[in-house]
All heavy atoms as atom14 arrays in JSON, in Angstrom:
{
  "sequence": "ITRGPLTGIWGSWDKAGTQDIREFLSRWEHSSIGLLKMGHASLLQLVM",
  "atom14_mask": [
    [1, 1, 1, 1, 1, 1, 1, 1, 0, 0, 0, 0, 0, 0],
    [1, 1, 1, 1, 1, 1, 1, 0, 0, 0, 0, 0, 0, 0],
    [1, 1, 1, 1, 1, 1, 1, 1, 1, 1, 1, 0, 0, 0],
    [1, 1, 1, 1, 0, 0, 0, 0, 0, 0, 0, 0, 0, 0],
    [1, 1, 1, 1, 1, 1, 1, 0, 0, 0, 0, 0, 0, 0],
    [1, 1, 1, 1, 1, 1, 1, 1, 0, 0, 0, 0, 0, 0],
    [1, 1, 1, 1, 1, 1, 1, 0, 0, 0, 0, 0, 0, 0],
    [1, 1, 1, 1, 0, 0, 0, 0, 0, 0, 0, 0, 0, 0],
    [1, 1, 1, 1, 1, 1, 1, 1, 0, 0, 0, 0, 0, 0],
    [1, 1, 1, 1, 1, 1, 1, 1, 1, 1, 1, 1, 1, 1],
    [1, 1, 1, 1, 0, 0, 0, 0, 0, 0, 0, 0, 0, 0],
    [1, 1, 1, 1, 1, 1, 0, 0, 0, 0, 0, 0, 0, 0],
    [1, 1, 1, 1, 1, 1, 1, 1, 1, 1, 1, 1, 1, 1],
    [1, 1, 1, 1, 1, 1, 1, 1, 0, 0, 0, 0, 0, 0],
    [1, 1, 1, 1, 1, 1, 1, 1, 1, 0, 0, 0, 0, 0],
    [1, 1, 1, 1, 1, 0, 0, 0, 0, 0, 0, 0, 0, 0],
    [1, 1, 1, 1, 0, 0, 0, 0, 0, 0, 0, 0, 0, 0],
    [1, 1, 1, 1, 1, 1, 1, 0, 0, 0, 0, 0, 0, 0],
    [1, 1, 1, 1, 1, 1, 1, 1, 1, 0, 0, 0, 0, 0],
    [1, 1, 1, 1, 1, 1, 1, 1, 0, 0, 0, 0, 0, 0],
    [1, 1, 1, 1, 1, 1, 1, 1, 0, 0, 0, 0, 0, 0],
    [1, 1, 1, 1, 1, 1, 1, 1, 1, 1, 1, 0, 0, 0],
    [1, 1, 1, 1, 1, 1, 1, 1, 1, 0, 0, 0, 0, 0],
    [1, 1, 1, 1, 1, 1, 1, 1, 1, 1, 1, 0, 0, 0],
    [1, 1, 1, 1, 1, 1, 1, 1, 0, 0, 0, 0, 0, 0],
    [1, 1, 1, 1, 1, 1, 0, 0, 0, 0, 0, 0, 0, 0],
    [1, 1, 1, 1, 1, 1, 1, 1, 1, 1, 1, 0, 0, 0],
    [1, 1, 1, 1, 1, 1, 1, 1, 1, 1, 1, 1, 1, 1],
    [1, 1, 1, 1, 1, 1, 1, 1, 1, 0, 0, 0, 0, 0],
    [1, 1, 1, 1, 1, 1, 1, 1, 1, 1, 0, 0, 0, 0],
    [1, 1, 1, 1, 1, 1, 0, 0, 0, 0, 0, 0, 0, 0],
    [1, 1, 1, 1, 1, 1, 0, 0, 0, 0, 0, 0, 0, 0],
    [1, 1, 1, 1, 1, 1, 1, 1, 0, 0, 0, 0, 0, 0],
    [1, 1, 1, 1, 0, 0, 0, 0, 0, 0, 0, 0, 0, 0],
    [1, 1, 1, 1, 1, 1, 1, 1, 0, 0, 0, 0, 0, 0],
    [1, 1, 1, 1, 1, 1, 1, 1, 0, 0, 0, 0, 0, 0],
    [1, 1, 1, 1, 1, 1, 1, 1, 1, 0, 0, 0, 0, 0],
    [1, 1, 1, 1, 1, 1, 1, 1, 0, 0, 0, 0, 0, 0],
    [1, 1, 1, 1, 0, 0, 0, 0, 0, 0, 0, 0, 0, 0],
    [1, 1, 1, 1, 1, 1, 1, 1, 1, 1, 0, 0, 0, 0],
    [1, 1, 1, 1, 1, 0, 0, 0, 0, 0, 0, 0, 0, 0],
    [1, 1, 1, 1, 1, 1, 0, 0, 0, 0, 0, 0, 0, 0],
    [1, 1, 1, 1, 1, 1, 1, 1, 0, 0, 0, 0, 0, 0],
    [1, 1, 1, 1, 1, 1, 1, 1, 0, 0, 0, 0, 0, 0],
    [1, 1, 1, 1, 1, 1, 1, 1, 1, 0, 0, 0, 0, 0],
    [1, 1, 1, 1, 1, 1, 1, 1, 0, 0, 0, 0, 0, 0],
    [1, 1, 1, 1, 1, 1, 1, 0, 0, 0, 0, 0, 0, 0],
    [1, 1, 1, 1, 1, 1, 1, 1, 0, 0, 0, 0, 0, 0]
  ],
  "atom14_positions": [
    [[59.9, 57.42, -28.12], [60.88, 58.23, -27.46], [61.74, 57.4, -26.46], [62.88, 57.72, -26.23], [60.22, 59.46, -26.77], [61.27, 60.48, -26.39], [59.45, 59.02, -25.58], [60.7, 61.81, -26.0], [0.0, 0.0, 0.0], [0.0, 0.0, 0.0], [0.0, 0.0, 0.0], [0.0, 0.0, 0.0], [0.0, 0.0, 0.0], [0.0, 0.0, 0.0]],
    [[61.18, 56.33, -25.9], [61.93, 55.49, -25.01], [62.41, 54.21, -25.64], [63.41, 53.63, -25.33], [61.09, 55.16, -23.77], [59.82, 54.61, -24.18], [60.83, 56.39, -22.96], [0.0, 0.0, 0.0], [0.0, 0.0, 0.0], [0.0, 0.0, 0.0], [0.0, 0.0, 0.0], [0.0, 0.0, 0.0], [0.0, 0.0, 0.0], [0.0, 0.0, 0.0]],
    [[61.6, 53.73, -26.64], [61.93, 52.47, -27.29], [63.33, 52.54, -27.96], [64.12, 51.64, -27.78], [60.9, 52.08, -28.33], [61.19, 50.78, -29.04], [60.2, 50.46, -30.15], [60.11, 51.52, -31.11], [59.0, 52.23, -31.4], [57.87, 51.91, -30.85], [58.99, 53.18, -32.31], [0.0, 0.0, 0.0], [0.0, 0.0, 0.0], [0.0, 0.0, 0.0]],
    [[63.6, 53.57, -28.72], [64.85, 53.68, -29.44], [66.07, 53.6, -28.55], [66.92, 52.75, -28.7], [0.0, 0.0, 0.0], [0.0, 0.0, 0.0], [0.0, 0.0, 0.0], [0.0, 0.0, 0.0], [0.0, 0.0, 0.0], [0.0, 0.0, 0.0], [0.0, 0.0, 0.0], [0.0, 0.0, 0.0], [0.0, 0.0, 0.0], [0.0, 0.0, 0.0]],
    [[66.17, 54.55, -27.61], [67.36, 54.56, -26.76], [67.53, 53.29, -25.88], [68.64, 52.86, -25.62], [67.18, 55.83, -25.88], [66.15, 56.63, -26.52], [65.33, 55.73, -27.36], [0.0, 0.0, 0.0], [0.0, 0.0, 0.0], [0.0, 0.0, 0.0], [0.0, 0.0, 0.0], [0.0, 0.0, 0.0], [0.0, 0.0, 0.0], [0.0, 0.0, 0.0]],
    [[66.44, 52.77, -25.4], [66.5, 51.62, -24.48], [66.67, 50.27, -25.19], [67.21, 49.35, -24.61], [65.29, 51.63, -23.58], [65.19, 52.71, -22.56], [63.9, 52.64, -21.77], [66.39, 52.69, -21.62], [0.0, 0.0, 0.0], [0.0, 0.0, 0.0], [0.0, 0.0, 0.0], [0.0, 0.0, 0.0], [0.0, 0.0, 0.0], [0.0, 0.0, 0.0]],
    [[66.16, 50.16, -26.41], [66.15, 48.86, -27.05], [67.07, 48.78, -28.28], [67.42, 47.72, -28.7], [64.75, 48.45, -27.49], [64.32, 49.32, -28.52], [63.78, 48.47, -26.31], [0.0, 0.0, 0.0], [0.0, 0.0, 0.0], [0.0, 0.0, 0.0], [0.0, 0.0, 0.0], [0.0, 0.0, 0.0], [0.0, 0.0, 0.0], [0.0, 0.0, 0.0]],
    [[67.34, 49.94, -28.88], [68.06, 49.97, -30.15], [67.14, 49.75, -31.35], [67.59, 49.73, -32.45], [0.0, 0.0, 0.0], [0.0, 0.0, 0.0], [0.0, 0.0, 0.0], [0.0, 0.0, 0.0], [0.0, 0.0, 0.0], [0.0, 0.0, 0.0], [0.0, 0.0, 0.0], [0.0, 0.0, 0.0], [0.0, 0.0, 0.0], [0.0, 0.0, 0.0]],
    [[65.81, 49.63, -31.05], [64.83, 49.48, -32.15], [64.28, 50.87, -32.37], [63.39, 51.35, -31.61], [63.71, 48.5, -31.73], [64.22, 47.17, -31.2], [62.69, 48.33, -32.89], [64.79, 46.26, -32.24], [0.0, 0.0, 0.0], [0.0, 0.0, 0.0], [0.0, 0.0, 0.0], [0.0, 0.0, 0.0], [0.0, 0.0, 0.0], [0.0, 0.0, 0.0]],
    [[64.73, 51.54, -33.42], [64.39, 52.96, -33.63], [63.08, 53.09, -34.44], [62.39, 54.07, -34.32], [65.53, 53.71, -34.26], [66.67, 53.84, -33.33], [67.73, 52.95, -33.26], [66.88, 54.74, -32.31], [68.57, 53.32, -32.23], [68.05, 54.45, -31.61], [66.13, 55.88, -31.85], [68.56, 55.18, -30.55], [66.6, 56.61, -30.8], [67.81, 56.24, -30.18]],
    [[62.75, 52.08, -35.26], [61.55, 52.12, -36.0], [60.46, 51.37, -35.25], [60.58, 51.11, -34.02], [0.0, 0.0, 0.0], [0.0, 0.0, 0.0], [0.0, 0.0, 0.0], [0.0, 0.0, 0.0], [0.0, 0.0, 0.0], [0.0, 0.0, 0.0], [0.0, 0.0, 0.0], [0.0, 0.0, 0.0], [0.0, 0.0, 0.0], [0.0, 0.0, 0.0]],
    [[59.35, 51.09, -35.9], [58.28, 50.38, -35.22], [58.64, 48.92, -35.02], [59.48, 48.39, -35.71], [56.99, 50.5, -36.05], [57.11, 49.75, -37.24], [0.0, 0.0, 0.0], [0.0, 0.0, 0.0], [0.0, 0.0, 0.0], [0.0, 0.0, 0.0], [0.0, 0.0, 0.0], [0.0, 0.0, 0.0], [0.0, 0.0, 0.0], [0.0, 0.0, 0.0]],
    [[57.97, 48.29, -34.06], [58.23, 46.87, -33.81], [57.84, 46.01, -34.98], [58.44, 44.97, -35.21], [57.44, 46.42, -32.59], [58.01, 46.95, -31.3], [57.54, 47.89, -30.49], [59.2, 46.45, -30.67], [58.39, 48.09, -29.42], [59.42, 47.2, -29.51], [60.17, 45.47, -30.99], [60.49, 47.01, -28.65], [61.23, 45.28, -30.16], [61.4, 46.06, -29.02]],
    [[56.87, 46.49, -35.78], [56.44, 45.74, -36.97], [57.57, 45.53, -37.95], [57.66, 44.56, -38.68], [55.3, 46.41, -37.69], [54.05, 46.49, -36.83], [53.9, 45.64, -35.92], [53.21, 47.4, -37.09], [0.0, 0.0, 0.0], [0.0, 0.0, 0.0], [0.0, 0.0, 0.0], [0.0, 0.0, 0.0], [0.0, 0.0, 0.0], [0.0, 0.0, 0.0]],
    [[58.48, 46.52, -38.01], [59.58, 46.5, -38.97], [60.88, 45.97, -38.36], [61.89, 45.88, -39.06], [59.8, 47.89, -39.47], [58.63, 48.42, -40.26], [58.81, 49.81, -40.78], [57.55, 50.21, -41.52], [57.43, 51.66, -41.61], [0.0, 0.0, 0.0], [0.0, 0.0, 0.0], [0.0, 0.0, 0.0], [0.0, 0.0, 0.0], [0.0, 0.0, 0.0]],
    [[60.88, 45.59, -37.09], [62.06, 45.12, -36.42], [62.36, 43.67, -36.91], [61.45, 42.83, -36.96], [61.91, 45.15, -34.92], [0.0, 0.0, 0.0], [0.0, 0.0, 0.0], [0.0, 0.0, 0.0], [0.0, 0.0, 0.0], [0.0, 0.0, 0.0], [0.0, 0.0, 0.0], [0.0, 0.0, 0.0], [0.0, 0.0, 0.0], [0.0, 0.0, 0.0]],
    [[63.59, 43.4, -37.26], [63.98, 42.07, -37.66], [64.27, 41.16, -36.47], [64.46, 41.6, -35.34], [0.0, 0.0, 0.0], [0.0, 0.0, 0.0], [0.0, 0.0, 0.0], [0.0, 0.0, 0.0], [0.0, 0.0, 0.0], [0.0, 0.0, 0.0], [0.0, 0.0, 0.0], [0.0, 0.0, 0.0], [0.0, 0.0, 0.0], [0.0, 0.0, 0.0]],
    [[64.32, 39.9, -36.73], [64.57, 38.89, -35.68], [65.91, 39.21, -35.01], [66.0, 39.14, -33.76], [64.61, 37.49, -36.28], [63.3, 37.25, -36.87], [64.86, 36.43, -35.27], [0.0, 0.0, 0.0], [0.0, 0.0, 0.0], [0.0, 0.0, 0.0], [0.0, 0.0, 0.0], [0.0, 0.0, 0.0], [0.0, 0.0, 0.0], [0.0, 0.0, 0.0]],
    [[66.94, 39.5, -35.78], [68.26, 39.8, -35.18], [68.22, 41.07, -34.34], [68.87, 41.12, -33.3], [69.33, 39.93, -36.28], [70.73, 40.09, -35.77], [71.17, 38.87, -34.88], [70.75, 37.76, -35.1], [71.98, 39.18, -33.87], [0.0, 0.0, 0.0], [0.0, 0.0, 0.0], [0.0, 0.0, 0.0], [0.0, 0.0, 0.0], [0.0, 0.0, 0.0]],
    [[67.47, 42.06, -34.74], [67.31, 43.29, -33.95], [66.73, 42.94, -32.57], [67.12, 43.48, -31.53], [66.39, 44.29, -34.64], [66.97, 44.78, -35.97], [68.2, 44.88, -36.08], [66.12, 45.06, -36.88], [0.0, 0.0, 0.0], [0.0, 0.0, 0.0], [0.0, 0.0, 0.0], [0.0, 0.0, 0.0], [0.0, 0.0, 0.0], [0.0, 0.0, 0.0]],
    [[65.7, 42.12, -32.56], [65.05, 41.75, -31.31], [65.97, 40.89, -30.45], [66.09, 41.06, -29.22], [63.7, 41.05, -31.58], [62.78, 42.07, -32.27], [63.11, 40.49, -30.29], [61.53, 41.46, -32.83], [0.0, 0.0, 0.0], [0.0, 0.0, 0.0], [0.0, 0.0, 0.0], [0.0, 0.0, 0.0], [0.0, 0.0, 0.0], [0.0, 0.0, 0.0]],
    [[66.73, 40.01, -31.04], [67.75, 39.24, -30.28], [68.79, 40.15, -29.64], [69.18, 39.97, -28.5], [68.5, 38.28, -31.2], [67.73, 36.99, -31.49], [68.68, 35.97, -32.16], [67.91, 35.08, -32.95], [67.88, 35.08, -34.28], [68.65, 35.86, -34.98], [67.1, 34.21, -34.93], [0.0, 0.0, 0.0], [0.0, 0.0, 0.0], [0.0, 0.0, 0.0]],
    [[69.23, 41.16, -30.42], [70.2, 42.13, -29.87], [69.61, 42.94, -28.71], [70.29, 43.21, -27.73], [70.72, 43.02, -30.98], [71.63, 42.31, -31.92], [71.99, 43.12, -33.18], [71.64, 44.32, -33.27], [72.6, 42.52, -34.07], [0.0, 0.0, 0.0], [0.0, 0.0, 0.0], [0.0, 0.0, 0.0], [0.0, 0.0, 0.0], [0.0, 0.0, 0.0]],
    [[68.34, 43.35, -28.88], [67.66, 44.07, -27.8], [67.58, 43.21, -26.51], [67.92, 43.67, -25.41], [66.28, 44.5, -28.22], [65.18, 44.46, -27.18], [65.24, 45.28, -26.06], [64.15, 43.58, -27.29], [64.25, 45.24, -25.1], [63.13, 43.49, -26.32], [63.24, 44.33, -25.22], [0.0, 0.0, 0.0], [0.0, 0.0, 0.0], [0.0, 0.0, 0.0]],
    [[67.2, 41.94, -26.67], [67.1, 41.05, -25.53], [68.52, 40.85, -24.87], [68.61, 40.84, -23.65], [66.49, 39.72, -25.94], [65.01, 39.75, -26.27], [64.56, 38.46, -26.88], [64.16, 40.11, -25.05], [0.0, 0.0, 0.0], [0.0, 0.0, 0.0], [0.0, 0.0, 0.0], [0.0, 0.0, 0.0], [0.0, 0.0, 0.0], [0.0, 0.0, 0.0]],
    [[69.5, 40.66, -25.7], [70.84, 40.49, -25.16], [71.32, 41.76, -24.47], [71.96, 41.64, -23.4], [71.78, 40.09, -26.28], [73.11, 39.96, -25.79], [0.0, 0.0, 0.0], [0.0, 0.0, 0.0], [0.0, 0.0, 0.0], [0.0, 0.0, 0.0], [0.0, 0.0, 0.0], [0.0, 0.0, 0.0], [0.0, 0.0, 0.0], [0.0, 0.0, 0.0]],
    [[71.03, 42.89, -25.06], [71.44, 44.16, -24.48], [70.83, 44.28, -23.05], [71.54, 44.72, -22.14], [70.94, 45.28, -25.39], [71.24, 46.68, -24.94], [70.73, 47.67, -25.97], [70.96, 49.03, -25.57], [70.62, 50.07, -26.29], [70.04, 49.89, -27.48], [70.86, 51.26, -25.87], [0.0, 0.0, 0.0], [0.0, 0.0, 0.0], [0.0, 0.0, 0.0]],
    [[69.56, 43.96, -22.91], [68.92, 44.09, -21.61], [69.41, 43.05, -20.65], [69.62, 43.3, -19.47], [67.42, 44.01, -21.79], [66.79, 45.34, -22.14], [67.32, 46.31, -22.9], [65.46, 45.81, -21.81], [66.45, 47.35, -23.04], [65.31, 47.04, -22.36], [64.43, 45.24, -21.09], [64.14, 47.81, -22.24], [63.28, 45.98, -20.93], [63.16, 47.22, -21.5]],
    [[69.61, 41.81, -21.14], [70.03, 40.75, -20.27], [71.42, 41.01, -19.68], [71.67, 40.7, -18.5], [70.1, 39.41, -21.06], [70.53, 38.25, -20.27], [70.63, 36.93, -21.05], [70.61, 37.0, -22.28], [70.73, 35.9, -20.43], [0.0, 0.0, 0.0], [0.0, 0.0, 0.0], [0.0, 0.0, 0.0], [0.0, 0.0, 0.0], [0.0, 0.0, 0.0]],
    [[72.32, 41.61, -20.45], [73.68, 41.87, -19.99], [73.95, 43.29, -19.6], [75.1, 43.7, -19.46], [74.65, 41.41, -21.08], [74.49, 39.98, -21.49], [74.83, 38.95, -20.67], [73.95, 39.41, -22.6], [74.54, 37.8, -21.25], [74.01, 38.04, -22.44], [0.0, 0.0, 0.0], [0.0, 0.0, 0.0], [0.0, 0.0, 0.0], [0.0, 0.0, 0.0]],
    [[72.9, 44.05, -19.41], [73.03, 45.5, -19.08], [73.59, 45.68, -17.68], [73.4, 44.83, -16.79], [71.66, 46.19, -19.15], [71.78, 47.53, -18.79], [0.0, 0.0, 0.0], [0.0, 0.0, 0.0], [0.0, 0.0, 0.0], [0.0, 0.0, 0.0], [0.0, 0.0, 0.0], [0.0, 0.0, 0.0], [0.0, 0.0, 0.0], [0.0, 0.0, 0.0]],
    [[74.3, 46.78, -17.51], [74.76, 47.13, -16.15], [73.68, 47.84, -15.37], [73.86, 48.12, -14.18], [76.03, 48.0, -16.26], [75.72, 49.19, -16.97], [0.0, 0.0, 0.0], [0.0, 0.0, 0.0], [0.0, 0.0, 0.0], [0.0, 0.0, 0.0], [0.0, 0.0, 0.0], [0.0, 0.0, 0.0], [0.0, 0.0, 0.0], [0.0, 0.0, 0.0]],
    [[72.58, 48.13, -16.03], [71.49, 48.81, -15.37], [70.48, 47.79, -14.86], [69.9, 47.02, -15.67], [70.78, 49.8, -16.35], [71.78, 50.81, -16.82], [69.6, 50.46, -15.7], [71.3, 51.7, -17.96], [0.0, 0.0, 0.0], [0.0, 0.0, 0.0], [0.0, 0.0, 0.0], [0.0, 0.0, 0.0], [0.0, 0.0, 0.0], [0.0, 0.0, 0.0]],
    [[70.28, 47.75, -13.57], [69.43, 46.74, -12.96], [68.01, 46.72, -13.47], [67.4, 45.65, -13.62], [0.0, 0.0, 0.0], [0.0, 0.0, 0.0], [0.0, 0.0, 0.0], [0.0, 0.0, 0.0], [0.0, 0.0, 0.0], [0.0, 0.0, 0.0], [0.0, 0.0, 0.0], [0.0, 0.0, 0.0], [0.0, 0.0, 0.0], [0.0, 0.0, 0.0]],
    [[67.47, 47.92, -13.76], [66.1, 47.96, -14.27], [65.94, 47.27, -15.6], [64.89, 46.62, -15.84], [65.63, 49.43, -14.43], [65.22, 50.16, -13.13], [64.96, 51.61, -13.4], [64.03, 49.51, -12.52], [0.0, 0.0, 0.0], [0.0, 0.0, 0.0], [0.0, 0.0, 0.0], [0.0, 0.0, 0.0], [0.0, 0.0, 0.0], [0.0, 0.0, 0.0]],
    [[66.96, 47.37, -16.46], [66.84, 46.7, -17.76], [66.96, 45.18, -17.58], [66.27, 44.39, -18.26], [67.92, 47.21, -18.71], [67.82, 48.68, -19.06], [68.91, 49.07, -20.06], [66.44, 49.06, -19.6], [0.0, 0.0, 0.0], [0.0, 0.0, 0.0], [0.0, 0.0, 0.0], [0.0, 0.0, 0.0], [0.0, 0.0, 0.0], [0.0, 0.0, 0.0]],
    [[67.83, 44.73, -16.67], [67.94, 43.31, -16.38], [66.63, 42.78, -15.83], [66.19, 41.69, -16.23], [69.06, 43.04, -15.36], [70.45, 43.1, -15.92], [71.45, 42.73, -14.89], [72.83, 42.68, -15.49], [73.84, 42.29, -14.53], [0.0, 0.0, 0.0], [0.0, 0.0, 0.0], [0.0, 0.0, 0.0], [0.0, 0.0, 0.0], [0.0, 0.0, 0.0]],
    [[65.98, 43.53, -14.95], [64.7, 43.1, -14.38], [63.66, 43.08, -15.5], [62.79, 42.19, -15.52], [64.29, 44.02, -13.24], [65.1, 43.81, -12.0], [64.56, 44.68, -10.51], [63.81, 46.18, -11.08], [0.0, 0.0, 0.0], [0.0, 0.0, 0.0], [0.0, 0.0, 0.0], [0.0, 0.0, 0.0], [0.0, 0.0, 0.0], [0.0, 0.0, 0.0]],
    [[63.7, 44.07, -16.4], [62.75, 44.07, -17.52], [62.93, 42.84, -18.4], [61.93, 42.22, -18.79], [0.0, 0.0, 0.0], [0.0, 0.0, 0.0], [0.0, 0.0, 0.0], [0.0, 0.0, 0.0], [0.0, 0.0, 0.0], [0.0, 0.0, 0.0], [0.0, 0.0, 0.0], [0.0, 0.0, 0.0], [0.0, 0.0, 0.0], [0.0, 0.0, 0.0]],
    [[64.17, 42.48, -18.69], [64.42, 41.25, -19.47], [63.9, 40.04, -18.78], [63.23, 39.18, -19.36], [65.94, 41.12, -19.73], [66.29, 39.88, -20.44], [66.61, 38.72, -19.75], [66.37, 39.57, -21.7], [66.82, 37.74, -20.62], [66.69, 38.23, -21.83], [0.0, 0.0, 0.0], [0.0, 0.0, 0.0], [0.0, 0.0, 0.0], [0.0, 0.0, 0.0]],
    [[64.21, 39.89, -17.48], [63.75, 38.74, -16.72], [62.22, 38.69, -16.69], [61.65, 37.59, -16.85], [64.3, 38.8, -15.31], [0.0, 0.0, 0.0], [0.0, 0.0, 0.0], [0.0, 0.0, 0.0], [0.0, 0.0, 0.0], [0.0, 0.0, 0.0], [0.0, 0.0, 0.0], [0.0, 0.0, 0.0], [0.0, 0.0, 0.0], [0.0, 0.0, 0.0]],
    [[61.58, 39.8, -16.57], [60.13, 39.85, -16.55], [59.53, 39.39, -17.91], [58.65, 38.6, -17.89], [59.6, 41.27, -16.21], [59.98, 41.63, -14.96], [0.0, 0.0, 0.0], [0.0, 0.0, 0.0], [0.0, 0.0, 0.0], [0.0, 0.0, 0.0], [0.0, 0.0, 0.0], [0.0, 0.0, 0.0], [0.0, 0.0, 0.0], [0.0, 0.0, 0.0]],
    [[60.06, 39.94, -18.97], [59.61, 39.54, -20.29], [59.81, 38.08, -20.53], [58.89, 37.35, -21.01], [60.33, 40.35, -21.38], [60.0, 41.84, -21.44], [60.92, 42.52, -22.4], [58.57, 42.05, -21.8], [0.0, 0.0, 0.0], [0.0, 0.0, 0.0], [0.0, 0.0, 0.0], [0.0, 0.0, 0.0], [0.0, 0.0, 0.0], [0.0, 0.0, 0.0]],
    [[60.99, 37.56, -20.19], [61.27, 36.15, -20.38], [60.3, 35.28, -19.55], [59.75, 34.32, -20.08], [62.73, 35.89, -19.96], [63.3, 34.5, -20.2], [63.37, 34.24, -21.7], [64.64, 34.34, -19.57], [0.0, 0.0, 0.0], [0.0, 0.0, 0.0], [0.0, 0.0, 0.0], [0.0, 0.0, 0.0], [0.0, 0.0, 0.0], [0.0, 0.0, 0.0]],
    [[60.11, 35.6, -18.31], [59.2, 34.8, -17.48], [57.78, 34.86, -17.98], [57.13, 33.84, -18.06], [59.24, 35.33, -16.03], [60.36, 34.78, -15.21], [60.22, 35.2, -13.76], [59.81, 36.3, -13.46], [60.59, 34.33, -12.86], [0.0, 0.0, 0.0], [0.0, 0.0, 0.0], [0.0, 0.0, 0.0], [0.0, 0.0, 0.0], [0.0, 0.0, 0.0]],
    [[57.3, 36.06, -18.32], [55.92, 36.19, -18.78], [55.67, 35.35, -20.04], [54.68, 34.58, -20.12], [55.58, 37.66, -19.11], [55.43, 38.54, -17.91], [55.37, 40.03, -18.34], [54.14, 38.23, -17.14], [0.0, 0.0, 0.0], [0.0, 0.0, 0.0], [0.0, 0.0, 0.0], [0.0, 0.0, 0.0], [0.0, 0.0, 0.0], [0.0, 0.0, 0.0]],
    [[56.54, 35.44, -21.03], [56.36, 34.73, -22.29], [56.53, 33.22, -22.08], [55.75, 32.41, -22.6], [57.31, 35.29, -23.38], [57.25, 34.41, -24.61], [56.92, 36.73, -23.73], [0.0, 0.0, 0.0], [0.0, 0.0, 0.0], [0.0, 0.0, 0.0], [0.0, 0.0, 0.0], [0.0, 0.0, 0.0], [0.0, 0.0, 0.0], [0.0, 0.0, 0.0]],
    [[57.57, 32.81, -21.37], [57.83, 31.39, -21.21], [56.73, 30.73, -20.4], [56.3, 29.6, -20.7], [59.19, 31.15, -20.57], [60.36, 31.51, -21.46], [60.36, 30.5, -22.97], [60.47, 31.76, -24.2], [0.0, 0.0, 0.0], [0.0, 0.0, 0.0], [0.0, 0.0, 0.0], [0.0, 0.0, 0.0], [0.0, 0.0, 0.0], [0.0, 0.0, 0.0]]
  ]
}
């Protein structure tokens, strides 16, 4: 219910393509909503 509207990934993560995930990350990185930008930064820091 939250994944689709916030990420653009409407199906399960198992079925998401590489380009879909790149677009989700770009969407959050360049969002005008501060919470999404912080979410992107958190994910990036955690994984890296």
